[in-house]
Amino acid sequence: MTQQVTRHARRVYFCGLPPIDNEQMVALFFNQVMAAIGGNTFGLGGIII
């Protein structure tokens, strides 16, 4: 399967974040969590964009 075909299954929608949060902070948090649990199987670098 191509990445485009599975794109919908890889998206996460969330709401209710404090107003001070921004996209960069959220991406950094999820990248750190994925790295901590070994969830990044695509090599170095962030996987959350």
C-alpha atoms as a PDB file:
ATOM      1  CA  MET A   1       0.000   0.000   0.000  1.00  0.00           C
ATOM      2  CA  THR A   2       1.147   3.505  -0.691  1.00  0.00           C
ATOM      3  CA  GLN A   3       1.401   6.168   1.985  1.00  0.00           C
ATOM      4  CA  GLN A   4      -1.425   8.092   0.342  1.00  0.00           C
ATOM      5  CA  VAL A   5      -3.764   5.102   0.668  1.00  0.00           C
ATOM      6  CA  THR A   6      -3.099   4.753   4.405  1.00  0.00           C
ATOM      7  CA  ARG A   7      -2.946   8.470   5.166  1.00  0.00           C
ATOM      8  CA  HIS A   8      -6.421   8.596   6.728  1.00  0.00           C
ATOM      9  CA  ALA A   9      -5.467   5.829   9.167  1.00  0.00           C
ATOM     10  CA  ARG A  10      -2.422   7.758  10.366  1.00  0.00           C
ATOM     11  CA  ARG A  11      -4.142  11.034  11.212  1.00  0.00           C
ATOM     12  CA  VAL A  12      -5.053  11.993  14.738  1.00  0.00           C
ATOM     13  CA  TYR A  13      -7.452  14.792  15.545  1.00  0.00           C
ATOM     14  CA  PHE A  14      -7.595  16.304  19.003  1.00  0.00           C
ATOM     15  CA  CYS A  15      -9.032  19.379  20.623  1.00  0.00           C
ATOM     16  CA  GLY A  16      -9.199  21.052  23.996  1.00  0.00           C
ATOM     17  CA  LEU A  17      -5.566  22.121  24.136  1.00  0.00           C
ATOM     18  CA  PRO A  18      -4.715  25.232  26.152  1.00  0.00           C
ATOM     19  CA  PRO A  19      -4.514  28.411  24.043  1.00  0.00           C
ATOM     20  CA  ILE A  20      -0.741  28.728  24.630  1.00  0.00           C
ATOM     21  CA  ASP A  21       0.013  25.514  22.755  1.00  0.00           C
ATOM     22  CA  ASN A  22       1.004  25.752  19.122  1.00  0.00           C
ATOM     23  CA  GLU A  23       1.714  23.267  16.351  1.00  0.00           C
ATOM     24  CA  GLN A  24       5.455  23.180  17.012  1.00  0.00           C
ATOM     25  CA  MET A  25       4.970  22.345  20.701  1.00  0.00           C
ATOM     26  CA  VAL A  26       2.459  19.608  19.898  1.00  0.00           C
ATOM     27  CA  ALA A  27       4.703  18.117  17.188  1.00  0.00           C
ATOM     28  CA  LEU A  28       7.709  18.181  19.530  1.00  0.00           C
ATOM     29  CA  PHE A  29       5.730  16.416  22.260  1.00  0.00           C
ATOM     30  CA  PHE A  30       4.490  13.636  19.971  1.00  0.00           C
ATOM     31  CA  ASN A  31       7.922  13.186  18.359  1.00  0.00           C
ATOM     32  CA  GLN A  32       9.462  12.763  21.817  1.00  0.00           C
ATOM     33  CA  VAL A  33       6.783  10.271  22.862  1.00  0.00           C
ATOM     34  CA  MET A  34       7.171   8.242  19.667  1.00  0.00           C
ATOM     35  CA  ALA A  35      10.962   8.174  20.099  1.00  0.00           C
ATOM     36  CA  ALA A  36      10.616   7.080  23.742  1.00  0.00           C
ATOM     37  CA  ILE A  37       8.412   4.100  22.867  1.00  0.00           C
ATOM     38  CA  GLY A  38      10.344   3.149  19.740  1.00  0.00           C
ATOM     39  CA  GLY A  39       7.511   4.208  17.462  1.00  0.00           C
ATOM     40  CA  ASN A  40       9.719   5.827  14.821  1.00  0.00           C
ATOM     41  CA  THR A  41      10.591   3.104  12.325  1.00  0.00           C
ATOM     42  CA  PHE A  42      11.453   5.505   9.492  1.00  0.00           C
ATOM     43  CA  GLY A  43      14.904   6.530  10.714  1.00  0.00           C
ATOM     44  CA  LEU A  44      16.216   9.671  12.336  1.00  0.00           C
ATOM     45  CA  GLY A  45      14.203  12.832  12.628  1.00  0.00           C
ATOM     46  CA  GLY A  46      10.694  13.690  13.611  1.00  0.00           C
ATOM     47  CA  ILE A  47       7.778  11.780  12.222  1.00  0.00           C
ATOM     48  CA  ILE A  48       5.109  14.248  13.239  1.00  0.00           C
ATOM     49  CA  ILE A  49       4.633  17.141  10.853  1.00  0.00           C
END
